[in-house]
Amino acid sequence: MDVFELEWATDPQVSQDGGKIVYVRRSNDIMQDDQISHLCEVLR
């Protein structure tokens, strides 16, 4: 398995009303030797 193909979730936060979860989805960019972060939201 190549580590640059992995994606993982970090820093999950649940809204006060429990209606959604926000987290950061991270991956690696081998061509730019950098980490990519996306803010994601899951609705209930």
PDB file of N, CA and C in Angstrom:
ATOM      1  N   MET A   1       0.848  -1.179   0.000  1.00  0.00           N
ATOM      2  CA  MET A   1       0.000   0.000   0.000  1.00  0.00           C
ATOM      3  C   MET A   1       0.893   1.242   0.000  1.00  0.00           C
ATOM      4  N   ASP A   2       0.523   2.202  -0.827  1.00  0.00           N
ATOM      5  CA  ASP A   2       1.261   3.461  -0.936  1.00  0.00           C
ATOM      6  C   ASP A   2       0.654   4.494   0.015  1.00  0.00           C
ATOM      7  N   VAL A   3       1.473   5.055   0.887  1.00  0.00           N
ATOM      8  CA  VAL A   3       0.989   6.027   1.881  1.00  0.00           C
ATOM      9  C   VAL A   3       0.375   7.257   1.214  1.00  0.00           C
ATOM     10  N   PHE A   4       0.785   7.578   0.001  1.00  0.00           N
ATOM     11  CA  PHE A   4       0.245   8.751  -0.680  1.00  0.00           C
ATOM     12  C   PHE A   4      -1.171   8.528  -1.204  1.00  0.00           C
ATOM     13  N   GLU A   5      -1.649   7.293  -1.181  1.00  0.00           N
ATOM     14  CA  GLU A   5      -3.023   7.004  -1.598  1.00  0.00           C
ATOM     15  C   GLU A   5      -4.002   7.035  -0.423  1.00  0.00           C
ATOM     16  N   LEU A   6      -3.496   7.148   0.793  1.00  0.00           N
ATOM     17  CA  LEU A   6      -4.352   7.136   1.980  1.00  0.00           C
ATOM     18  C   LEU A   6      -5.042   8.477   2.190  1.00  0.00           C
ATOM     19  N   GLU A   7      -6.257   8.425   2.710  1.00  0.00           N
ATOM     20  CA  GLU A   7      -6.991   9.610   3.168  1.00  0.00           C
ATOM     21  C   GLU A   7      -7.474   9.305   4.578  1.00  0.00           C
ATOM     22  N   TRP A   8      -7.542  10.323   5.418  1.00  0.00           N
ATOM     23  CA  TRP A   8      -7.988  10.106   6.789  1.00  0.00           C
ATOM     24  C   TRP A   8      -8.748  11.325   7.292  1.00  0.00           C
ATOM     25  N   ALA A   9      -9.582  11.099   8.303  1.00  0.00           N
ATOM     26  CA  ALA A   9     -10.402  12.158   8.897  1.00  0.00           C
ATOM     27  C   ALA A   9      -9.794  12.579  10.231  1.00  0.00           C
ATOM     28  N   THR A  10      -9.804  13.902  10.485  1.00  0.00           N
ATOM     29  CA  THR A  10      -9.293  14.433  11.746  1.00  0.00           C
ATOM     30  C   THR A  10     -10.234  15.503  12.273  1.00  0.00           C
ATOM     31  N   ASP A  11     -10.100  15.814  13.530  1.00  0.00           N
ATOM     32  CA  ASP A  11     -10.770  16.928  14.203  1.00  0.00           C
ATOM     33  C   ASP A  11     -12.291  16.951  14.019  1.00  0.00           C
ATOM     34  N   PRO A  12     -12.990  15.841  14.282  1.00  0.00           N
ATOM     35  CA  PRO A  12     -14.453  15.860  14.146  1.00  0.00           C
ATOM     36  C   PRO A  12     -15.099  16.766  15.197  1.00  0.00           C
ATOM     37  N   GLN A  13     -16.105  17.513  14.786  1.00  0.00           N
ATOM     38  CA  GLN A  13     -16.849  18.406  15.677  1.00  0.00           C
ATOM     39  C   GLN A  13     -18.343  18.194  15.432  1.00  0.00           C
ATOM     40  N   VAL A  14     -19.101  17.955  16.499  1.00  0.00           N
ATOM     41  CA  VAL A  14     -20.548  17.771  16.404  1.00  0.00           C
ATOM     42  C   VAL A  14     -21.217  19.088  16.765  1.00  0.00           C
ATOM     43  N   SER A  15     -22.214  19.500  15.956  1.00  0.00           N
ATOM     44  CA  SER A  15     -22.933  20.739  16.257  1.00  0.00           C
ATOM     45  C   SER A  15     -23.720  20.584  17.555  1.00  0.00           C
ATOM     46  N   GLN A  16     -24.055  21.699  18.171  1.00  0.00           N
ATOM     47  CA  GLN A  16     -24.758  21.662  19.455  1.00  0.00           C
ATOM     48  C   GLN A  16     -26.099  20.951  19.370  1.00  0.00           C
ATOM     49  N   ASP A  17     -26.798  21.091  18.246  1.00  0.00           N
ATOM     50  CA  ASP A  17     -28.098  20.432  18.103  1.00  0.00           C
ATOM     51  C   ASP A  17     -27.965  18.993  17.595  1.00  0.00           C
ATOM     52  N   GLY A  18     -26.742  18.549  17.323  1.00  0.00           N
ATOM     53  CA  GLY A  18     -26.512  17.188  16.855  1.00  0.00           C
ATOM     54  C   GLY A  18     -26.897  16.958  15.414  1.00  0.00           C
ATOM     55  N   GLY A  19     -27.205  18.019  14.693  1.00  0.00           N
ATOM     56  CA  GLY A  19     -27.678  17.891  13.320  1.00  0.00           C
ATOM     57  C   GLY A  19     -26.600  17.701  12.276  1.00  0.00           C
ATOM     58  N   LYS A  20     -25.350  17.958  12.632  1.00  0.00           N
ATOM     59  CA  LYS A  20     -24.281  17.755  11.658  1.00  0.00           C
ATOM     60  C   LYS A  20     -22.943  17.536  12.351  1.00  0.00           C
ATOM     61  N   ILE A  21     -22.046  16.944  11.601  1.00  0.00           N
ATOM     62  CA  ILE A  21     -20.665  16.739  12.032  1.00  0.00           C
ATOM     63  C   ILE A  21     -19.773  17.377  10.979  1.00  0.00           C
ATOM     64  N   VAL A  22     -18.787  18.122  11.427  1.00  0.00           N
ATOM     65  CA  VAL A  22     -17.802  18.727  10.533  1.00  0.00           C
ATOM     66  C   VAL A  22     -16.445  18.121  10.883  1.00  0.00           C
ATOM     67  N   TYR A  23     -15.681  17.765   9.854  1.00  0.00           N
ATOM     68  CA  TYR A  23     -14.358  17.186  10.081  1.00  0.00           C
ATOM     69  C   TYR A  23     -13.411  17.603   8.958  1.00  0.00           C
ATOM     70  N   VAL A  24     -12.136  17.368   9.154  1.00  0.00           N
ATOM     71  CA  VAL A  24     -11.121  17.673   8.148  1.00  0.00           C
ATOM     72  C   VAL A  24     -10.691  16.361   7.499  1.00  0.00           C
ATOM     73  N   ARG A  25     -10.798  16.291   6.171  1.00  0.00           N
ATOM     74  CA  ARG A  25     -10.324  15.126   5.417  1.00  0.00           C
ATOM     75  C   ARG A  25      -8.936  15.451   4.870  1.00  0.00           C
ATOM     76  N   ARG A  26      -7.964  14.633   5.194  1.00  0.00           N
ATOM     77  CA  ARG A  26      -6.571  14.905   4.808  1.00  0.00           C
ATOM     78  C   ARG A  26      -6.047  13.821   3.862  1.00  0.00           C
ATOM     79  N   SER A  27      -5.152  14.244   2.986  1.00  0.00           N
ATOM     80  CA  SER A  27      -4.443  13.330   2.094  1.00  0.00           C
ATOM     81  C   SER A  27      -3.104  13.958   1.748  1.00  0.00           C
ATOM     82  N   ASN A  28      -2.280  13.208   1.042  1.00  0.00           N
ATOM     83  CA  ASN A  28      -0.958  13.695   0.650  1.00  0.00           C
ATOM     84  C   ASN A  28      -0.880  13.875  -0.858  1.00  0.00           C
ATOM     85  N   ASP A  29      -0.142  14.887  -1.288  1.00  0.00           N
ATOM     86  CA  ASP A  29       0.111  15.141  -2.705  1.00  0.00           C
ATOM     87  C   ASP A  29       1.586  14.857  -2.968  1.00  0.00           C
ATOM     88  N   ILE A  30       1.868  13.723  -3.607  1.00  0.00           N
ATOM     89  CA  ILE A  30       3.258  13.320  -3.837  1.00  0.00           C
ATOM     90  C   ILE A  30       3.975  14.270  -4.795  1.00  0.00           C
ATOM     91  N   MET A  31       3.261  14.820  -5.765  1.00  0.00           N
ATOM     92  CA  MET A  31       3.893  15.690  -6.760  1.00  0.00           C
ATOM     93  C   MET A  31       4.338  17.027  -6.158  1.00  0.00           C
ATOM     94  N   GLN A  32       3.603  17.515  -5.168  1.00  0.00           N
ATOM     95  CA  GLN A  32       3.957  18.795  -4.552  1.00  0.00           C
ATOM     96  C   GLN A  32       4.574  18.608  -3.169  1.00  0.00           C
ATOM     97  N   ASP A  33       4.735  17.352  -2.762  1.00  0.00           N
ATOM     98  CA  ASP A  33       5.296  17.025  -1.449  1.00  0.00           C
ATOM     99  C   ASP A  33       4.612  17.843  -0.355  1.00  0.00           C
ATOM    100  N   ASP A  34       3.275  17.736  -0.331  1.00  0.00           N
ATOM    101  CA  ASP A  34       2.477  18.553   0.576  1.00  0.00           C
ATOM    102  C   ASP A  34       1.265  17.759   1.039  1.00  0.00           C
ATOM    103  N   GLN A  35       0.620  18.258   2.069  1.00  0.00           N
ATOM    104  CA  GLN A  35      -0.602  17.659   2.588  1.00  0.00           C
ATOM    105  C   GLN A  35      -1.793  18.492   2.132  1.00  0.00           C
ATOM    106  N   ILE A  36      -2.877  17.828   1.769  1.00  0.00           N
ATOM    107  CA  ILE A  36      -4.100  18.492   1.315  1.00  0.00           C
ATOM    108  C   ILE A  36      -5.163  18.301   2.390  1.00  0.00           C
ATOM    109  N   SER A  37      -5.890  19.375   2.709  1.00  0.00           N
ATOM    110  CA  SER A  37      -6.957  19.319   3.712  1.00  0.00           C
ATOM    111  C   SER A  37      -8.253  19.842   3.110  1.00  0.00           C
ATOM    112  N   HIS A  38      -9.339  19.138   3.375  1.00  0.00           N
ATOM    113  CA  HIS A  38     -10.672  19.556   2.939  1.00  0.00           C
ATOM    114  C   HIS A  38     -11.594  19.554   4.152  1.00  0.00           C
ATOM    115  N   LEU A  39     -12.371  20.605   4.313  1.00  0.00           N
ATOM    116  CA  LEU A  39     -13.372  20.666   5.368  1.00  0.00           C
ATOM    117  C   LEU A  39     -14.636  19.990   4.846  1.00  0.00           C
ATOM    118  N   CYS A  40     -15.138  18.998   5.572  1.00  0.00           N
ATOM    119  CA  CYS A  40     -16.296  18.219   5.136  1.00  0.00           C
ATOM    120  C   CYS A  40     -17.403  18.291   6.184  1.00  0.00           C
ATOM    121  N   GLU A  41     -18.638  18.153   5.703  1.00  0.00           N
ATOM    122  CA  GLU A  41     -19.801  18.227   6.580  1.00  0.00           C
ATOM    123  C   GLU A  41     -20.707  17.030   6.313  1.00  0.00           C
ATOM    124  N   VAL A  42     -21.167  16.397   7.380  1.00  0.00           N
ATOM    125  CA  VAL A  42     -22.114  15.293   7.289  1.00  0.00           C
ATOM    126  C   VAL A  42     -23.389  15.744   7.977  1.00  0.00           C
ATOM    127  N   LEU A  43     -24.496  15.733   7.238  1.00  0.00           N
ATOM    128  CA  LEU A  43     -25.788  16.120   7.806  1.00  0.00           C
ATOM    129  C   LEU A  43     -26.496  14.893   8.347  1.00  0.00           C
ATOM    130  N   ARG A  44     -27.261  15.088   9.364  1.00  0.00           N
ATOM    131  CA  ARG A  44     -27.997  13.997   9.996  1.00  0.00           C
ATOM    132  C   ARG A  44     -29.124  13.517   9.137  1.00  0.00           C
TER     133      ARG A  44
END
